[in-house]
Every structure is written in structure tokens, then in C-alpha cells.
């Protein structure tokens, strides 16, 4: 249905926009290893990383907070199961 609809913001007199679907093969990498590799490469080349340090810190704080919540919830479940 969406492939057949006209593009709403297409200027008058221009040919229709063709949507092309292309399969892209990517090499799988372990995410943390790739992130650390990128960081070390930036240090070696003296360039800024793709993600600023503040954003990385915020992401780490969030990950730690989530881990603590999961840990507390698991402890509560185990305690509840032991009482039953």
C-alpha cells in the first residue's frame, strides 16, 4: 500500500521518487569490543569519538542503574520463593 502512494512533499513536475530496497551485509562484531576499539583508535589518531564522553557516561550510569534494579528484583523473587 505504501509503495503505491505519492510522496506528499514532491515538487510538481518532478518524476516520482523511486524507493529501492537493498540488502547490506555487515560483519558482526561484539559491541563492547567494537566500542573500545573505536575509543582506542580515536586516542591513537587524536580525534573525537563518535559519541561524546558525557553521553557514554550517561549510558553507563543508566546501565548500572538497570543492573541494580534487576538484581534487586531477582533477590525479591528468590526471597518470596523461599518463604512459600
Foldseek 3Di string as FASTA:
>chain_A
DVQPDFDPPDDPPDDTDHDDDDDDDDDDDDVVVVVVVQVVVCVVVVHAGPDHPVVVVVVVVVVVVVVVVVVVVVVVVVVVVVVD
